[in-house]
Amino acid sequence: MKTQIFTQLQELGDRQQAAKLHVTLNERELLGDLAIYQNLTKNTATVLHRLTSLGGAVTSAVLRETHVTGLQASFLSYLRTCRAR
């Protein structure tokens, strides 16, 4: 499956969007030895940098979790970052 995100970012150009994005990566995905996770995190970092350079509302966190255990931690990170009052 080919991703469209980089094409869409290029088409976006300098236009700013109102959307907000919070991305979490798990430490094992980022630093582990599985190539598929390394590629996903590399591409995710590239997208985050491009969106940030366009002035996008982007937040991110690296969690001390694995791909399997990170779901709940990712959701809690989202709540703390984006829904805190």
N, C-alpha and C. Protein backbone atom coordinates (compact mmCIF):
# COMPACT_ATOMS: atom_id res chain seq x y z
N MET A 1 0.84 -1.17 0.00
CA MET A 1 0.00 0.00 0.00
C MET A 1 0.90 1.25 0.00
N LYS A 2 0.64 2.14 -0.89
CA LYS A 2 1.42 3.37 -0.99
C LYS A 2 0.73 4.48 -0.21
N THR A 3 1.51 5.20 0.57
CA THR A 3 0.97 6.29 1.37
C THR A 3 0.77 7.54 0.51
N GLN A 4 -0.19 8.33 0.87
CA GLN A 4 -0.50 9.56 0.16
C GLN A 4 -0.13 10.79 0.95
N ILE A 5 0.34 10.62 2.17
CA ILE A 5 0.55 11.77 3.05
C ILE A 5 1.57 12.74 2.50
N PHE A 6 2.67 12.25 1.91
CA PHE A 6 3.69 13.16 1.41
C PHE A 6 3.20 13.93 0.19
N THR A 7 2.41 13.29 -0.65
CA THR A 7 1.80 13.97 -1.79
C THR A 7 0.83 15.04 -1.30
N GLN A 8 0.02 14.70 -0.31
CA GLN A 8 -0.93 15.66 0.24
C GLN A 8 -0.23 16.83 0.91
N LEU A 9 0.88 16.58 1.60
CA LEU A 9 1.63 17.67 2.22
C LEU A 9 2.20 18.61 1.16
N GLN A 10 2.68 18.04 0.07
CA GLN A 10 3.21 18.87 -1.00
C GLN A 10 2.11 19.71 -1.63
N GLU A 11 0.93 19.12 -1.82
CA GLU A 11 -0.20 19.86 -2.39
C GLU A 11 -0.69 20.94 -1.44
N LEU A 12 -0.56 20.70 -0.15
CA LEU A 12 -0.97 21.67 0.86
C LEU A 12 -0.17 22.96 0.73
N GLY A 13 1.10 22.82 0.41
CA GLY A 13 1.95 24.00 0.24
C GLY A 13 1.99 24.83 1.51
N ASP A 14 1.78 26.12 1.37
CA ASP A 14 1.84 27.03 2.51
C ASP A 14 0.49 27.27 3.16
N ARG A 15 -0.54 26.63 2.65
CA ARG A 15 -1.87 26.82 3.25
C ARG A 15 -1.91 26.20 4.63
N GLN A 16 -2.47 26.92 5.56
CA GLN A 16 -2.58 26.42 6.93
C GLN A 16 -3.97 25.85 7.15
N GLN A 17 -4.00 24.79 7.87
CA GLN A 17 -5.26 24.13 8.20
C GLN A 17 -5.58 24.36 9.68
N ALA A 18 -6.84 24.28 10.01
CA ALA A 18 -7.28 24.50 11.40
C ALA A 18 -7.13 23.24 12.25
N ALA A 19 -6.83 22.12 11.64
CA ALA A 19 -6.76 20.85 12.36
C ALA A 19 -5.59 20.82 13.33
N LYS A 20 -5.75 20.05 14.39
CA LYS A 20 -4.69 19.82 15.36
C LYS A 20 -4.32 18.34 15.30
N LEU A 21 -3.06 18.05 15.59
CA LEU A 21 -2.58 16.68 15.54
C LEU A 21 -1.72 16.38 16.74
N HIS A 22 -2.00 15.28 17.41
CA HIS A 22 -1.16 14.79 18.50
C HIS A 22 -0.73 13.38 18.12
N VAL A 23 0.58 13.16 18.05
CA VAL A 23 1.13 11.87 17.64
C VAL A 23 1.94 11.29 18.79
N THR A 24 1.73 10.01 19.05
CA THR A 24 2.55 9.31 20.03
C THR A 24 3.32 8.21 19.33
N LEU A 25 4.55 8.06 19.73
CA LEU A 25 5.40 6.96 19.27
C LEU A 25 5.86 6.21 20.50
N ASN A 26 5.97 4.92 20.37
CA ASN A 26 6.46 4.11 21.47
C ASN A 26 7.97 3.93 21.34
N GLU A 27 8.63 3.96 22.47
CA GLU A 27 10.09 3.85 22.50
C GLU A 27 10.59 2.65 21.71
N ARG A 28 9.94 1.53 21.86
CA ARG A 28 10.37 0.30 21.15
C ARG A 28 10.21 0.44 19.64
N GLU A 29 9.19 1.16 19.21
CA GLU A 29 9.01 1.38 17.77
C GLU A 29 10.12 2.27 17.24
N LEU A 30 10.48 3.25 18.02
CA LEU A 30 11.49 4.22 17.60
C LEU A 30 12.90 3.64 17.64
N LEU A 31 13.22 2.91 18.69
CA LEU A 31 14.59 2.44 18.90
C LEU A 31 14.77 0.94 18.74
N GLY A 32 13.70 0.21 18.50
CA GLY A 32 13.78 -1.24 18.39
C GLY A 32 14.43 -1.70 17.10
N ASP A 33 14.47 -3.00 16.91
CA ASP A 33 15.16 -3.55 15.75
C ASP A 33 14.25 -4.06 14.64
N LEU A 34 12.95 -3.77 14.72
CA LEU A 34 12.04 -4.18 13.66
C LEU A 34 11.97 -3.09 12.59
N ALA A 35 12.36 -3.45 11.38
CA ALA A 35 12.45 -2.47 10.28
C ALA A 35 11.12 -1.79 9.99
N ILE A 36 10.01 -2.51 10.08
CA ILE A 36 8.72 -1.91 9.76
C ILE A 36 8.39 -0.77 10.72
N TYR A 37 8.68 -0.95 12.01
CA TYR A 37 8.43 0.11 12.99
C TYR A 37 9.41 1.26 12.81
N GLN A 38 10.66 0.96 12.50
CA GLN A 38 11.65 2.01 12.25
C GLN A 38 11.22 2.88 11.08
N ASN A 39 10.72 2.27 10.01
CA ASN A 39 10.26 3.03 8.84
C ASN A 39 9.03 3.86 9.17
N LEU A 40 8.11 3.29 9.93
CA LEU A 40 6.92 4.05 10.33
C LEU A 40 7.29 5.27 11.16
N THR A 41 8.18 5.10 12.11
CA THR A 41 8.55 6.23 12.97
C THR A 41 9.37 7.27 12.19
N LYS A 42 10.20 6.82 11.27
CA LYS A 42 10.97 7.76 10.44
C LYS A 42 10.02 8.61 9.59
N ASN A 43 9.04 7.96 8.96
CA ASN A 43 8.07 8.70 8.15
C ASN A 43 7.20 9.60 9.00
N THR A 44 6.83 9.14 10.19
CA THR A 44 6.03 9.96 11.09
C THR A 44 6.80 11.20 11.51
N ALA A 45 8.07 11.05 11.82
CA ALA A 45 8.89 12.20 12.19
C ALA A 45 8.98 13.20 11.04
N THR A 46 9.11 12.70 9.82
CA THR A 46 9.17 13.58 8.65
C THR A 46 7.87 14.37 8.50
N VAL A 47 6.74 13.70 8.66
CA VAL A 47 5.44 14.37 8.57
C VAL A 47 5.31 15.43 9.66
N LEU A 48 5.69 15.09 10.89
CA LEU A 48 5.62 16.05 12.00
C LEU A 48 6.45 17.29 11.71
N HIS A 49 7.66 17.11 11.21
CA HIS A 49 8.53 18.25 10.90
C HIS A 49 7.93 19.11 9.79
N ARG A 50 7.38 18.49 8.78
CA ARG A 50 6.78 19.25 7.67
C ARG A 50 5.57 20.04 8.14
N LEU A 51 4.71 19.40 8.94
CA LEU A 51 3.53 20.10 9.44
C LEU A 51 3.92 21.24 10.36
N THR A 52 4.91 21.02 11.21
CA THR A 52 5.37 22.06 12.11
C THR A 52 5.95 23.24 11.33
N SER A 53 6.68 22.95 10.26
CA SER A 53 7.26 24.03 9.46
C SER A 53 6.20 24.85 8.74
N LEU A 54 5.01 24.25 8.56
CA LEU A 54 3.89 24.98 7.95
C LEU A 54 3.08 25.74 8.99
N GLY A 55 3.49 25.64 10.25
CA GLY A 55 2.77 26.34 11.31
C GLY A 55 1.61 25.54 11.85
N GLY A 56 1.60 24.25 11.61
CA GLY A 56 0.50 23.41 12.08
C GLY A 56 0.51 23.24 13.59
N ALA A 57 -0.65 22.98 14.14
CA ALA A 57 -0.79 22.74 15.57
C ALA A 57 -0.50 21.27 15.82
N VAL A 58 0.77 20.97 16.07
CA VAL A 58 1.23 19.59 16.19
C VAL A 58 1.91 19.40 17.53
N THR A 59 1.51 18.34 18.23
CA THR A 59 2.19 17.94 19.46
C THR A 59 2.55 16.47 19.32
N SER A 60 3.54 16.04 20.08
CA SER A 60 3.95 14.65 20.00
C SER A 60 4.56 14.22 21.32
N ALA A 61 4.64 12.90 21.50
CA ALA A 61 5.23 12.35 22.71
C ALA A 61 5.83 10.98 22.39
N VAL A 62 6.95 10.69 23.02
CA VAL A 62 7.55 9.35 22.95
C VAL A 62 7.23 8.67 24.26
N LEU A 63 6.57 7.54 24.18
CA LEU A 63 6.12 6.81 25.36
C LEU A 63 7.03 5.63 25.64
N ARG A 64 7.15 5.26 26.87
CA ARG A 64 7.97 4.11 27.26
C ARG A 64 7.12 2.85 27.23
N GLU A 65 6.60 2.55 26.06
CA GLU A 65 5.70 1.42 25.87
C GLU A 65 6.15 0.60 24.67
N THR A 66 5.44 -0.50 24.44
CA THR A 66 5.65 -1.29 23.23
C THR A 66 4.46 -1.06 22.31
N HIS A 67 4.55 -1.59 21.12
CA HIS A 67 3.45 -1.44 20.17
C HIS A 67 2.16 -2.04 20.74
N VAL A 68 2.30 -3.13 21.48
CA VAL A 68 1.14 -3.83 22.03
C VAL A 68 0.56 -3.09 23.23
N THR A 69 1.40 -2.55 24.09
CA THR A 69 0.91 -1.94 25.33
C THR A 69 0.66 -0.44 25.20
N GLY A 70 0.97 0.16 24.06
CA GLY A 70 0.91 1.60 23.93
C GLY A 70 -0.45 2.21 23.69
N LEU A 71 -1.46 1.42 23.38
CA LEU A 71 -2.76 1.98 23.03
C LEU A 71 -3.34 2.84 24.16
N GLN A 72 -3.43 2.29 25.34
CA GLN A 72 -4.00 3.04 26.46
C GLN A 72 -3.12 4.24 26.81
N ALA A 73 -1.81 4.05 26.82
CA ALA A 73 -0.90 5.15 27.13
C ALA A 73 -1.00 6.26 26.10
N SER A 74 -1.19 5.90 24.84
CA SER A 74 -1.34 6.90 23.78
C SER A 74 -2.61 7.72 23.98
N PHE A 75 -3.69 7.04 24.32
CA PHE A 75 -4.95 7.73 24.55
C PHE A 75 -4.84 8.68 25.74
N LEU A 76 -4.19 8.22 26.82
CA LEU A 76 -4.02 9.08 27.99
C LEU A 76 -3.13 10.28 27.67
N SER A 77 -2.11 10.08 26.84
CA SER A 77 -1.26 11.18 26.41
C SER A 77 -2.07 12.21 25.62
N TYR A 78 -2.94 11.73 24.75
CA TYR A 78 -3.83 12.62 24.00
C TYR A 78 -4.71 13.43 24.95
N LEU A 79 -5.31 12.75 25.92
CA LEU A 79 -6.20 13.45 26.87
C LEU A 79 -5.45 14.51 27.65
N ARG A 80 -4.24 14.17 28.16
CA ARG A 80 -3.45 15.13 28.94
C ARG A 80 -3.02 16.32 28.08
N THR A 81 -2.66 16.05 26.82
CA THR A 81 -2.12 17.10 25.97
C THR A 81 -3.21 17.96 25.33
N CYS A 82 -4.25 17.31 24.86
CA CYS A 82 -5.25 18.02 24.04
C CYS A 82 -6.54 18.36 24.75
N ARG A 83 -6.82 17.69 25.83
CA ARG A 83 -8.09 17.89 26.51
C ARG A 83 -7.96 18.39 27.94
N ALA A 84 -6.75 18.74 28.33
CA ALA A 84 -6.54 19.25 29.68
C ALA A 84 -7.24 20.59 29.84
N ARG A 85 -7.80 20.82 31.00
CA ARG A 85 -8.53 22.06 31.25
C ARG A 85 -7.81 22.89 32.25
